[in-house]
Amino acid sequence: MTTSRGRARLGVLVPFTNGNLEPDLVLMRPDGVSLHSARMGGYDEDEVPDAAQMQGLGAADLDGPLSLLLGVKPDVVIYGCTSATLTHGPAFDRALADRIAAASGAKTVTAAGALVHALTALNVKKIGFASPYVPAINDMAVGFLGDLGFETVSRAEVDATLGNHEQGALDPDAVYALGLRANSVAAEAIVLSCTEMRSVEVIDRLEQRLGKPVVTSNQAIMFETLGALGIGGGMQGFGQLLEKGGR
């Protein structure tokens, strides 16, 4: 019998249109770990999530959603948008994590920081990159990772400009195809960035096809979170990263 609570509580700050982060985290959560969320604004639901929109989300005031989230006394607070800090740069991402940690007293994980943590744990330097973002955000994401020592040697983009809900509506087969297009001989791992994209469901399938690690935003979040909680032991079904166990 599995248990839904009692071991640790995860507090998740979620962009208000995002419908896939929470289901992914529930899918990957260990026994006894519960999930609690609060929604963030700062962007326009009906606008294309371009650099300006995502920078607006990253810069939005978190006092309201964070204060409500802290009512459940989470052990870890997760900032659940990758592009909101990718578009501002590594220093902004670290400063945001520090501010959340100071305000909450909890360990803090950001989606962008979790990608970096995961690639470091895998000892990977050269990546293939894909996301549902507009090309300008992909440029910023590649620059963010480049500033931290990761070289993007191949890259794939979606064929259309996707709105907030359209990004989440990409089905796993479309995400799988995107991951294949991001691959190259030189890439040591594939990165699928975006907490709204349904990447978790195709990790094992892609790894079996490509013979290399696949890192996704939500999988990386869970990996770093498990490490922050001191929960070890491999987890099957979500790629080589989680088979390593959190650390």
C-alpha atoms as a PDB file:
ATOM      1  CA  MET A   1       0.000   0.000   0.000  1.00  0.00           C
ATOM      2  CA  THR A   2       1.377   3.420  -0.951  1.00  0.00           C
ATOM      3  CA  THR A   3       1.015   6.467   1.259  1.00  0.00           C
ATOM      4  CA  SER A   4       0.325   9.973   0.038  1.00  0.00           C
ATOM      5  CA  ARG A   5       1.857  11.904   2.942  1.00  0.00           C
ATOM      6  CA  GLY A   6       3.952  11.813   6.092  1.00  0.00           C
ATOM      7  CA  ARG A   7       7.497  11.794   4.706  1.00  0.00           C
ATOM      8  CA  ALA A   8       7.926  15.277   3.246  1.00  0.00           C
ATOM      9  CA  ARG A   9       5.924  18.130   1.764  1.00  0.00           C
ATOM     10  CA  LEU A  10       6.759  19.789  -1.542  1.00  0.00           C
ATOM     11  CA  GLY A  11       5.528  23.335  -2.091  1.00  0.00           C
ATOM     12  CA  VAL A  12       5.338  24.224  -5.780  1.00  0.00           C
ATOM     13  CA  LEU A  13       5.022  27.682  -7.323  1.00  0.00           C
ATOM     14  CA  VAL A  14       3.304  27.054 -10.666  1.00  0.00           C
ATOM     15  CA  PRO A  15       2.628  29.433 -13.586  1.00  0.00           C
ATOM     16  CA  PHE A  16      -1.144  29.842 -13.551  1.00  0.00           C
ATOM     17  CA  THR A  17      -1.703  28.335 -17.016  1.00  0.00           C
ATOM     18  CA  ASN A  18       0.576  25.332 -16.460  1.00  0.00           C
ATOM     19  CA  GLY A  19      -1.355  22.064 -16.339  1.00  0.00           C
ATOM     20  CA  ASN A  20       1.473  19.539 -16.638  1.00  0.00           C
ATOM     21  CA  LEU A  21       3.996  20.291 -13.879  1.00  0.00           C
ATOM     22  CA  GLU A  22       1.866  19.024 -11.027  1.00  0.00           C
ATOM     23  CA  PRO A  23       0.789  15.768 -12.746  1.00  0.00           C
ATOM     24  CA  ASP A  24       4.439  15.059 -13.622  1.00  0.00           C
ATOM     25  CA  LEU A  25       5.600  15.619 -10.054  1.00  0.00           C
ATOM     26  CA  VAL A  26       2.798  13.435  -8.711  1.00  0.00           C
ATOM     27  CA  LEU A  27       3.831  10.741 -11.205  1.00  0.00           C
ATOM     28  CA  MET A  28       7.426  10.808  -9.947  1.00  0.00           C
ATOM     29  CA  ARG A  29       6.925  11.503  -6.247  1.00  0.00           C
ATOM     30  CA  PRO A  30       8.229   8.870  -3.822  1.00  0.00           C
ATOM     31  CA  ASP A  31       5.918   7.174  -1.380  1.00  0.00           C
ATOM     32  CA  GLY A  32       4.958   9.460   1.509  1.00  0.00           C
ATOM     33  CA  VAL A  33       5.854  12.716  -0.254  1.00  0.00           C
ATOM     34  CA  SER A  34       2.931  15.102  -0.746  1.00  0.00           C
ATOM     35  CA  LEU A  35       2.556  17.946  -3.237  1.00  0.00           C
ATOM     36  CA  HIS A  36       1.050  21.372  -2.529  1.00  0.00           C
ATOM     37  CA  SER A  37       0.917  24.226  -5.033  1.00  0.00           C
ATOM     38  CA  ALA A  38       0.192  27.916  -5.447  1.00  0.00           C
ATOM     39  CA  ARG A  39      -0.215  29.639  -8.804  1.00  0.00           C
ATOM     40  CA  MET A  40       1.880  32.540 -10.108  1.00  0.00           C
ATOM     41  CA  GLY A  41       0.912  35.368 -12.457  1.00  0.00           C
ATOM     42  CA  GLY A  42       2.918  38.115 -14.114  1.00  0.00           C
ATOM     43  CA  TYR A  43       2.187  37.216 -17.733  1.00  0.00           C
ATOM     44  CA  ASP A  44      -0.763  37.299 -20.155  1.00  0.00           C
ATOM     45  CA  GLU A  45      -2.567  34.003 -20.755  1.00  0.00           C
ATOM     46  CA  ASP A  46      -3.519  35.030 -24.292  1.00  0.00           C
ATOM     47  CA  GLU A  47      -0.122  36.307 -25.417  1.00  0.00           C
ATOM     48  CA  VAL A  48       2.622  34.184 -26.954  1.00  0.00           C
ATOM     49  CA  PRO A  49       5.039  33.312 -24.120  1.00  0.00           C
ATOM     50  CA  ASP A  50       7.954  35.194 -25.618  1.00  0.00           C
ATOM     51  CA  ALA A  51      10.985  36.617 -23.819  1.00  0.00           C
ATOM     52  CA  ALA A  52       9.133  39.689 -22.547  1.00  0.00           C
ATOM     53  CA  GLN A  53       6.259  37.606 -21.165  1.00  0.00           C
ATOM     54  CA  MET A  54       8.561  35.135 -19.427  1.00  0.00           C
ATOM     55  CA  GLN A  55      10.790  37.868 -18.047  1.00  0.00           C
ATOM     56  CA  GLY A  56       7.621  39.399 -16.648  1.00  0.00           C
ATOM     57  CA  LEU A  57       6.803  36.141 -14.905  1.00  0.00           C
ATOM     58  CA  GLY A  58      10.324  35.880 -13.501  1.00  0.00           C
ATOM     59  CA  ALA A  59      10.183  39.429 -12.165  1.00  0.00           C
ATOM     60  CA  ALA A  60       6.628  39.132 -10.776  1.00  0.00           C
ATOM     61  CA  ASP A  61       6.014  39.652  -7.058  1.00  0.00           C
ATOM     62  CA  LEU A  62       5.933  36.264  -5.317  1.00  0.00           C
ATOM     63  CA  ASP A  63       4.862  37.499  -1.887  1.00  0.00           C
ATOM     64  CA  GLY A  64       1.207  36.523  -2.339  1.00  0.00           C
ATOM     65  CA  PRO A  65       1.517  32.984  -3.691  1.00  0.00           C
ATOM     66  CA  LEU A  66       4.543  32.203  -1.549  1.00  0.00           C
ATOM     67  CA  SER A  67       2.881  33.344   1.667  1.00  0.00           C
ATOM     68  CA  LEU A  68      -0.141  31.139   0.950  1.00  0.00           C
ATOM     69  CA  LEU A  69       2.064  28.186   0.061  1.00  0.00           C
ATOM     70  CA  LEU A  70       3.962  28.508   3.329  1.00  0.00           C
ATOM     71  CA  GLY A  71       0.738  27.745   5.196  1.00  0.00           C
ATOM     72  CA  VAL A  72       1.432  24.030   4.661  1.00  0.00           C
ATOM     73  CA  LYS A  73       5.036  24.373   5.921  1.00  0.00           C
ATOM     74  CA  PRO A  74       6.765  22.735   2.940  1.00  0.00           C
ATOM     75  CA  ASP A  75      10.156  21.085   3.342  1.00  0.00           C
ATOM     76  CA  VAL A  76      11.164  22.178  -0.170  1.00  0.00           C
ATOM     77  CA  VAL A  77       9.835  25.069  -2.250  1.00  0.00           C
ATOM     78  CA  ILE A  78      10.013  24.540  -6.018  1.00  0.00           C
ATOM     79  CA  TYR A  79       9.970  27.438  -8.478  1.00  0.00           C
ATOM     80  CA  GLY A  80       8.218  25.737 -11.354  1.00  0.00           C
ATOM     81  CA  CYS A  81       9.049  27.667 -14.519  1.00  0.00           C
ATOM     82  CA  THR A  82      12.258  27.176 -16.483  1.00  0.00           C
ATOM     83  CA  SER A  83      12.039  30.020 -18.999  1.00  0.00           C
ATOM     84  CA  ALA A  84      11.115  32.637 -16.372  1.00  0.00           C
ATOM     85  CA  THR A  85      14.682  32.588 -15.075  1.00  0.00           C
ATOM     86  CA  LEU A  86      16.487  31.312 -18.184  1.00  0.00           C
ATOM     87  CA  THR A  87      15.519  34.614 -19.815  1.00  0.00           C
ATOM     88  CA  HIS A  88      17.116  36.611 -16.980  1.00  0.00           C
ATOM     89  CA  GLY A  89      20.366  34.656 -16.611  1.00  0.00           C
ATOM     90  CA  PRO A  90      22.169  32.528 -14.008  1.00  0.00           C
ATOM     91  CA  ALA A  91      22.720  35.298 -11.448  1.00  0.00           C
ATOM     92  CA  PHE A  92      19.002  36.113 -11.424  1.00  0.00           C
ATOM     93  CA  ASP A  93      18.113  32.429 -11.023  1.00  0.00           C
ATOM     94  CA  ARG A  94      20.450  32.035  -8.027  1.00  0.00           C
ATOM     95  CA  ALA A  95      19.228  35.275  -6.448  1.00  0.00           C
ATOM     96  CA  LEU A  96      15.588  34.196  -6.831  1.00  0.00           C
ATOM     97  CA  ALA A  97      16.336  30.869  -5.170  1.00  0.00           C
ATOM     98  CA  ASP A  98      18.084  32.686  -2.325  1.00  0.00           C
ATOM     99  CA  ARG A  99      15.135  35.056  -1.835  1.00  0.00           C
ATOM    100  CA  ILE A 100      12.638  32.198  -1.716  1.00  0.00           C
ATOM    101  CA  ALA A 101      14.816  30.262   0.729  1.00  0.00           C
ATOM    102  CA  ALA A 102      15.200  33.301   2.978  1.00  0.00           C
ATOM    103  CA  ALA A 103      11.460  34.011   2.966  1.00  0.00           C
ATOM    104  CA  SER A 104      10.376  30.416   3.446  1.00  0.00           C
ATOM    105  CA  GLY A 105      13.076  28.861   5.588  1.00  0.00           C
ATOM    106  CA  ALA A 106      12.780  25.859   3.266  1.00  0.00           C
ATOM    107  CA  LYS A 107      15.209  24.326   0.824  1.00  0.00           C
ATOM    108  CA  THR A 108      14.596  25.781  -2.614  1.00  0.00           C
ATOM    109  CA  VAL A 109      14.805  24.350  -6.130  1.00  0.00           C
ATOM    110  CA  THR A 110      14.376  26.323  -9.354  1.00  0.00           C
ATOM    111  CA  ALA A 111      13.585  24.623 -12.649  1.00  0.00           C
ATOM    112  CA  ALA A 112      16.518  26.221 -14.483  1.00  0.00           C
ATOM    113  CA  GLY A 113      18.902  25.522 -11.629  1.00  0.00           C
ATOM    114  CA  ALA A 114      17.701  21.919 -11.538  1.00  0.00           C
ATOM    115  CA  LEU A 115      18.722  21.423 -15.181  1.00  0.00           C
ATOM    116  CA  VAL A 116      22.218  22.617 -14.315  1.00  0.00           C
ATOM    117  CA  HIS A 117      22.325  20.389 -11.225  1.00  0.00           C
ATOM    118  CA  ALA A 118      21.223  17.363 -13.278  1.00  0.00           C
ATOM    119  CA  LEU A 119      23.775  17.872 -16.058  1.00  0.00           C
ATOM    120  CA  THR A 120      26.504  18.314 -13.468  1.00  0.00           C
ATOM    121  CA  ALA A 121      25.478  15.093 -11.716  1.00  0.00           C
ATOM    122  CA  LEU A 122      25.596  13.259 -15.052  1.00  0.00           C
ATOM    123  CA  ASN A 123      29.045  14.746 -15.818  1.00  0.00           C
ATOM    124  CA  VAL A 124      27.744  16.043 -19.149  1.00  0.00           C
ATOM    125  CA  LYS A 125      29.145  19.069 -20.986  1.00  0.00           C
ATOM    126  CA  LYS A 126      27.802  18.788 -24.554  1.00  0.00           C
ATOM    127  CA  ILE A 127      24.050  18.715 -25.041  1.00  0.00           C
ATOM    128  CA  GLY A 128      21.304  18.572 -27.610  1.00  0.00           C
ATOM    129  CA  PHE A 129      18.597  21.079 -26.645  1.00  0.00           C
ATOM    130  CA  ALA A 130      14.885  21.245 -27.417  1.00  0.00           C
ATOM    131  CA  SER A 131      11.868  23.085 -26.048  1.00  0.00           C
ATOM    132  CA  PRO A 132       8.493  24.456 -27.146  1.00  0.00           C
ATOM    133  CA  TYR A 133       9.785  28.021 -26.687  1.00  0.00           C
ATOM    134  CA  VAL A 134      10.038  30.688 -29.344  1.00  0.00           C
ATOM    135  CA  PRO A 135      13.529  30.780 -30.947  1.00  0.00           C
ATOM    136  CA  ALA A 136      14.589  33.909 -29.039  1.00  0.00           C
ATOM    137  CA  ILE A 137      14.030  32.156 -25.691  1.00  0.00           C
ATOM    138  CA  ASN A 138      15.906  29.128 -26.960  1.00  0.00           C
ATOM    139  CA  ASP A 139      18.816  31.455 -27.733  1.00  0.00           C
ATOM    140  CA  MET A 140      18.683  32.745 -24.160  1.00  0.00           C
ATOM    141  CA  ALA A 141      18.462  29.222 -22.764  1.00  0.00           C
ATOM    142  CA  VAL A 142      21.507  28.125 -24.754  1.00  0.00           C
ATOM    143  CA  GLY A 143      23.328  31.223 -23.505  1.00  0.00           C
ATOM    144  CA  PHE A 144      22.300  30.547 -19.886  1.00  0.00           C
ATOM    145  CA  LEU A 145      23.649  27.004 -20.054  1.00  0.00           C
ATOM    146  CA  GLY A 146      26.717  28.169 -21.960  1.00  0.00           C
ATOM    147  CA  ASP A 147      27.568  30.650 -19.222  1.00  0.00           C
ATOM    148  CA  LEU A 148      27.650  27.703 -16.813  1.00  0.00           C
ATOM    149  CA  GLY A 149      29.894  25.542 -18.964  1.00  0.00           C
ATOM    150  CA  PHE A 150      27.462  23.500 -21.063  1.00  0.00           C
ATOM    151  CA  GLU A 151      27.870  23.580 -24.849  1.00  0.00           C
ATOM    152  CA  THR A 152      24.782  23.124 -27.017  1.00  0.00           C
ATOM    153  CA  VAL A 153      26.005  21.138 -30.026  1.00  0.00           C
ATOM    154  CA  SER A 154      22.590  20.483 -31.574  1.00  0.00           C
ATOM    155  CA  ARG A 155      19.142  21.973 -31.203  1.00  0.00           C
ATOM    156  CA  ALA A 156      15.545  21.453 -32.297  1.00  0.00           C
ATOM    157  CA  GLU A 157      12.573  23.797 -32.267  1.00  0.00           C
ATOM    158  CA  VAL A 158       8.864  23.348 -32.820  1.00  0.00           C
ATOM    159  CA  ASP A 159       7.550  24.229 -36.262  1.00  0.00           C
ATOM    160  CA  ALA A 160       4.980  26.773 -35.049  1.00  0.00           C
ATOM    161  CA  THR A 161       4.722  29.595 -32.516  1.00  0.00           C
ATOM    162  CA  LEU A 162       2.897  28.072 -29.565  1.00  0.00           C
ATOM    163  CA  GLY A 163       0.748  29.840 -26.999  1.00  0.00           C
ATOM    164  CA  ASN A 164       0.710  28.942 -23.314  1.00  0.00           C
ATOM    165  CA  HIS A 165      -1.900  26.207 -23.642  1.00  0.00           C
ATOM    166  CA  GLU A 166      -0.525  24.966 -26.957  1.00  0.00           C
ATOM    167  CA  GLN A 167       2.829  24.236 -25.344  1.00  0.00           C
ATOM    168  CA  GLY A 168       1.105  22.018 -22.817  1.00  0.00           C
ATOM    169  CA  ALA A 169      -1.020  20.372 -25.490  1.00  0.00           C
ATOM    170  CA  LEU A 170       1.956  18.869 -27.355  1.00  0.00           C
ATOM    171  CA  ASP A 171       1.383  15.140 -27.028  1.00  0.00           C
ATOM    172  CA  PRO A 172       4.169  12.767 -25.948  1.00  0.00           C
ATOM    173  CA  ASP A 173       4.696  11.510 -29.506  1.00  0.00           C
ATOM    174  CA  ALA A 174       5.368  15.085 -30.673  1.00  0.00           C
ATOM    175  CA  VAL A 175       7.781  15.599 -27.766  1.00  0.00           C
ATOM    176  CA  TYR A 176       9.523  12.326 -28.606  1.00  0.00           C
ATOM    177  CA  ALA A 177       9.996  13.447 -32.207  1.00  0.00           C
ATOM    178  CA  LEU A 178      11.340  16.802 -31.002  1.00  0.00           C
ATOM    179  CA  GLY A 179      13.844  15.015 -28.779  1.00  0.00           C
ATOM    180  CA  LEU A 180      15.031  12.875 -31.692  1.00  0.00           C
ATOM    181  CA  ARG A 181      15.600  15.984 -33.801  1.00  0.00           C
ATOM    182  CA  ALA A 182      17.668  17.538 -31.016  1.00  0.00           C
ATOM    183  CA  ASN A 183      20.112  14.642 -31.047  1.00  0.00           C
ATOM    184  CA  SER A 184      23.534  14.572 -32.677  1.00  0.00           C
ATOM    185  CA  VAL A 185      26.593  12.347 -32.465  1.00  0.00           C
ATOM    186  CA  ALA A 186      28.402  15.002 -30.433  1.00  0.00           C
ATOM    187  CA  ALA A 187      25.608  15.410 -27.846  1.00  0.00           C
ATOM    188  CA  GLU A 188      26.303  13.559 -24.595  1.00  0.00           C
ATOM    189  CA  ALA A 189      22.732  14.106 -23.369  1.00  0.00           C
ATOM    190  CA  ILE A 190      19.444  15.584 -24.561  1.00  0.00           C
ATOM    191  CA  VAL A 191      17.811  18.422 -22.628  1.00  0.00           C
ATOM    192  CA  LEU A 192      14.053  18.933 -22.986  1.00  0.00           C
ATOM    193  CA  SER A 193      13.340  22.258 -21.316  1.00  0.00           C
ATOM    194  CA  CYS A 194       9.917  23.499 -20.113  1.00  0.00           C
ATOM    195  CA  THR A 195       7.852  22.478 -17.102  1.00  0.00           C
ATOM    196  CA  GLU A 196       4.700  22.615 -19.248  1.00  0.00           C
ATOM    197  CA  MET A 197       5.944  20.179 -21.914  1.00  0.00           C
ATOM    198  CA  ARG A 198       5.001  16.501 -21.533  1.00  0.00           C
ATOM    199  CA  SER A 199       8.588  15.240 -21.610  1.00  0.00           C
ATOM    200  CA  VAL A 200       8.615  12.960 -18.570  1.00  0.00           C
ATOM    201  CA  GLU A 201       6.459  10.394 -20.354  1.00  0.00           C
ATOM    202  CA  VAL A 202       9.002   9.872 -23.141  1.00  0.00           C
ATOM    203  CA  ILE A 203      12.297   9.852 -21.213  1.00  0.00           C
ATOM    204  CA  ASP A 204      12.785   6.084 -21.147  1.00  0.00           C
ATOM    205  CA  ARG A 205      11.679   5.706 -24.760  1.00  0.00           C
ATOM    206  CA  LEU A 206      14.155   8.343 -25.931  1.00  0.00           C
ATOM    207  CA  GLU A 207      17.000   6.942 -23.847  1.00  0.00           C
ATOM    208  CA  GLN A 208      16.456   3.469 -25.245  1.00  0.00           C
ATOM    209  CA  ARG A 209      16.466   4.843 -28.779  1.00  0.00           C
ATOM    210  CA  LEU A 210      19.428   7.198 -28.395  1.00  0.00           C
ATOM    211  CA  GLY A 211      21.593   5.379 -25.868  1.00  0.00           C
ATOM    212  CA  LYS A 212      22.271   8.538 -23.842  1.00  0.00           C
ATOM    213  CA  PRO A 213      20.711  10.386 -20.905  1.00  0.00           C
ATOM    214  CA  VAL A 214      17.645  12.557 -21.378  1.00  0.00           C
ATOM    215  CA  VAL A 215      17.121  15.410 -18.920  1.00  0.00           C
ATOM    216  CA  THR A 216      13.785  17.210 -18.653  1.00  0.00           C
ATOM    217  CA  SER A 217      12.800  20.183 -16.519  1.00  0.00           C
ATOM    218  CA  ASN A 218      10.353  18.287 -14.311  1.00  0.00           C
ATOM    219  CA  GLN A 219      12.546  15.197 -13.941  1.00  0.00           C
ATOM    220  CA  ALA A 220      15.500  17.428 -12.998  1.00  0.00           C
ATOM    221  CA  ILE A 221      13.316  19.233 -10.442  1.00  0.00           C
ATOM    222  CA  MET A 222      12.459  15.917  -8.812  1.00  0.00           C
ATOM    223  CA  PHE A 223      16.103  14.800  -8.858  1.00  0.00           C
ATOM    224  CA  GLU A 224      17.330  17.914  -7.066  1.00  0.00           C
ATOM    225  CA  THR A 225      14.368  17.836  -4.690  1.00  0.00           C
ATOM    226  CA  LEU A 226      15.106  14.260  -3.641  1.00  0.00           C
ATOM    227  CA  GLY A 227      18.693  15.249  -2.980  1.00  0.00           C
ATOM    228  CA  ALA A 228      17.576  18.207  -0.886  1.00  0.00           C
ATOM    229  CA  LEU A 229      15.376  15.864   1.150  1.00  0.00           C
ATOM    230  CA  GLY A 230      18.129  13.272   1.520  1.00  0.00           C
ATOM    231  CA  ILE A 231      16.000  10.659  -0.231  1.00  0.00           C
ATOM    232  CA  GLY A 232      18.253   8.248  -2.085  1.00  0.00           C
ATOM    233  CA  GLY A 233      17.646   5.035  -3.946  1.00  0.00           C
ATOM    234  CA  GLY A 234      17.062   4.674  -7.669  1.00  0.00           C
ATOM    235  CA  MET A 235      13.679   5.345  -9.241  1.00  0.00           C
ATOM    236  CA  GLN A 236      12.741   3.335 -12.310  1.00  0.00           C
ATOM    237  CA  GLY A 237      10.816   4.576 -15.335  1.00  0.00           C
ATOM    238  CA  PHE A 238      12.086   8.152 -15.581  1.00  0.00           C
ATOM    239  CA  GLY A 239      15.525   7.848 -17.086  1.00  0.00           C
ATOM    240  CA  GLN A 240      19.127   7.442 -16.017  1.00  0.00           C
ATOM    241  CA  LEU A 241      19.053  10.591 -13.888  1.00  0.00           C
ATOM    242  CA  LEU A 242      16.460   9.340 -11.404  1.00  0.00           C
ATOM    243  CA  GLU A 243      17.887   5.827 -11.501  1.00  0.00           C
ATOM    244  CA  LYS A 244      20.941   7.448  -9.869  1.00  0.00           C
ATOM    245  CA  GLY A 245      18.786   8.543  -6.958  1.00  0.00           C
ATOM    246  CA  GLY A 246      18.533  12.075  -5.639  1.00  0.00           C
ATOM    247  CA  ARG A 247      21.731  13.716  -4.467  1.00  0.00           C
END
